[in-house]
Amino acid sequence: MVKRVIRFYVDGFRSMASWSRTLWIIILLKLFILFFIFKLIFFKDTLNTKYDTDRERSEHVIEQITK
């Protein structure tokens, strides 16, 4: 079943026009930049560096939400 789904999408991608393939590559590249690169640069994991336990992290988050 999984093979059939993968084959369906691969065949569909192959049968596209060249401009639409280029458009999909640009879209996927943009999504990669948004979700992976920006996460590494802008959204650092401060909860794990500042707090040692899950309880301290949860208390901090609750405090920030209820302000």
C-alpha atoms as a PDB file:
ATOM      1  CA  MET A   1       0.000   0.000   0.000  1.00  0.00           C
ATOM      2  CA  VAL A   2       2.798   2.426   0.923  1.00  0.00           C
ATOM      3  CA  LYS A   3       4.697   1.526  -2.257  1.00  0.00           C
ATOM      4  CA  ARG A   4       1.619   2.293  -4.351  1.00  0.00           C
ATOM      5  CA  VAL A   5       1.185   5.711  -2.728  1.00  0.00           C
ATOM      6  CA  ILE A   6       4.862   6.573  -3.221  1.00  0.00           C
ATOM      7  CA  ARG A   7       4.755   5.367  -6.829  1.00  0.00           C
ATOM      8  CA  PHE A   8       1.618   7.469  -7.419  1.00  0.00           C
ATOM      9  CA  TYR A   9       3.371  10.663  -6.314  1.00  0.00           C
ATOM     10  CA  VAL A  10       6.633   9.881  -8.098  1.00  0.00           C
ATOM     11  CA  ASP A  11       4.813   9.169 -11.370  1.00  0.00           C
ATOM     12  CA  GLY A  12       2.771  12.335 -10.974  1.00  0.00           C
ATOM     13  CA  PHE A  13       5.921  14.364 -10.386  1.00  0.00           C
ATOM     14  CA  ARG A  14       7.569  12.865 -13.469  1.00  0.00           C
ATOM     15  CA  SER A  15       4.609  13.641 -15.702  1.00  0.00           C
ATOM     16  CA  MET A  16       4.477  17.328 -14.724  1.00  0.00           C
ATOM     17  CA  ALA A  17       5.531  20.096 -17.042  1.00  0.00           C
ATOM     18  CA  SER A  18       9.029  21.426 -16.419  1.00  0.00           C
ATOM     19  CA  TRP A  19       7.785  24.813 -15.137  1.00  0.00           C
ATOM     20  CA  SER A  20       5.540  23.153 -12.547  1.00  0.00           C
ATOM     21  CA  ARG A  21       8.387  20.917 -11.391  1.00  0.00           C
ATOM     22  CA  THR A  22      10.546  24.019 -10.930  1.00  0.00           C
ATOM     23  CA  LEU A  23       7.733  25.669  -8.992  1.00  0.00           C
ATOM     24  CA  TRP A  24       7.426  22.684  -6.626  1.00  0.00           C
ATOM     25  CA  ILE A  25      11.186  22.676  -6.049  1.00  0.00           C
ATOM     26  CA  ILE A  26      11.052  26.370  -5.139  1.00  0.00           C
ATOM     27  CA  ILE A  27       8.124  25.745  -2.767  1.00  0.00           C
ATOM     28  CA  LEU A  28       9.902  22.845  -1.045  1.00  0.00           C
ATOM     29  CA  LEU A  29      13.119  24.851  -0.741  1.00  0.00           C
ATOM     30  CA  LYS A  30      11.207  27.750   0.790  1.00  0.00           C
ATOM     31  CA  LEU A  31       9.519  25.428   3.313  1.00  0.00           C
ATOM     32  CA  PHE A  32      12.894  23.936   4.222  1.00  0.00           C
ATOM     33  CA  ILE A  33      14.319  27.400   4.850  1.00  0.00           C
ATOM     34  CA  LEU A  34      11.311  28.482   6.906  1.00  0.00           C
ATOM     35  CA  PHE A  35      11.099  25.435   9.139  1.00  0.00           C
ATOM     36  CA  PHE A  36      14.673  24.252   9.564  1.00  0.00           C
ATOM     37  CA  ILE A  37      17.033  27.166   9.043  1.00  0.00           C
ATOM     38  CA  PHE A  38      14.898  29.742  10.857  1.00  0.00           C
ATOM     39  CA  LYS A  39      14.376  27.332  13.772  1.00  0.00           C
ATOM     40  CA  LEU A  40      18.111  26.934  14.198  1.00  0.00           C
ATOM     41  CA  ILE A  41      18.790  30.672  14.024  1.00  0.00           C
ATOM     42  CA  PHE A  42      15.836  32.369  15.707  1.00  0.00           C
ATOM     43  CA  PHE A  43      14.137  29.820  17.973  1.00  0.00           C
ATOM     44  CA  LYS A  44      16.752  28.617  20.386  1.00  0.00           C
ATOM     45  CA  ASP A  45      15.906  26.092  23.062  1.00  0.00           C
ATOM     46  CA  THR A  46      16.105  28.324  26.130  1.00  0.00           C
ATOM     47  CA  LEU A  47      13.943  26.152  28.374  1.00  0.00           C
ATOM     48  CA  ASN A  48      16.463  23.310  28.338  1.00  0.00           C
ATOM     49  CA  THR A  49      19.388  25.630  29.018  1.00  0.00           C
ATOM     50  CA  LYS A  50      17.820  27.671  31.829  1.00  0.00           C
ATOM     51  CA  TYR A  51      15.840  25.007  33.689  1.00  0.00           C
ATOM     52  CA  ASP A  52      16.923  21.574  34.844  1.00  0.00           C
ATOM     53  CA  THR A  53      13.637  19.766  35.439  1.00  0.00           C
ATOM     54  CA  ASP A  54      10.345  19.490  33.615  1.00  0.00           C
ATOM     55  CA  ARG A  55       8.566  20.946  36.623  1.00  0.00           C
ATOM     56  CA  GLU A  56      10.646  24.151  36.492  1.00  0.00           C
ATOM     57  CA  ARG A  57      10.027  24.430  32.747  1.00  0.00           C
ATOM     58  CA  SER A  58       6.286  23.971  33.119  1.00  0.00           C
ATOM     59  CA  GLU A  59       6.095  26.519  35.943  1.00  0.00           C
ATOM     60  CA  HIS A  60       7.949  29.051  33.795  1.00  0.00           C
ATOM     61  CA  VAL A  61       5.629  28.467  30.830  1.00  0.00           C
ATOM     62  CA  ILE A  62       2.505  28.764  32.989  1.00  0.00           C
ATOM     63  CA  GLU A  63       3.860  31.947  34.533  1.00  0.00           C
ATOM     64  CA  GLN A  64       4.522  33.460  31.095  1.00  0.00           C
ATOM     65  CA  ILE A  65       1.097  32.483  29.755  1.00  0.00           C
ATOM     66  CA  THR A  66      -0.850  33.854  32.723  1.00  0.00           C
ATOM     67  CA  LYS A  67       0.876  37.241  32.787  1.00  0.00           C
END
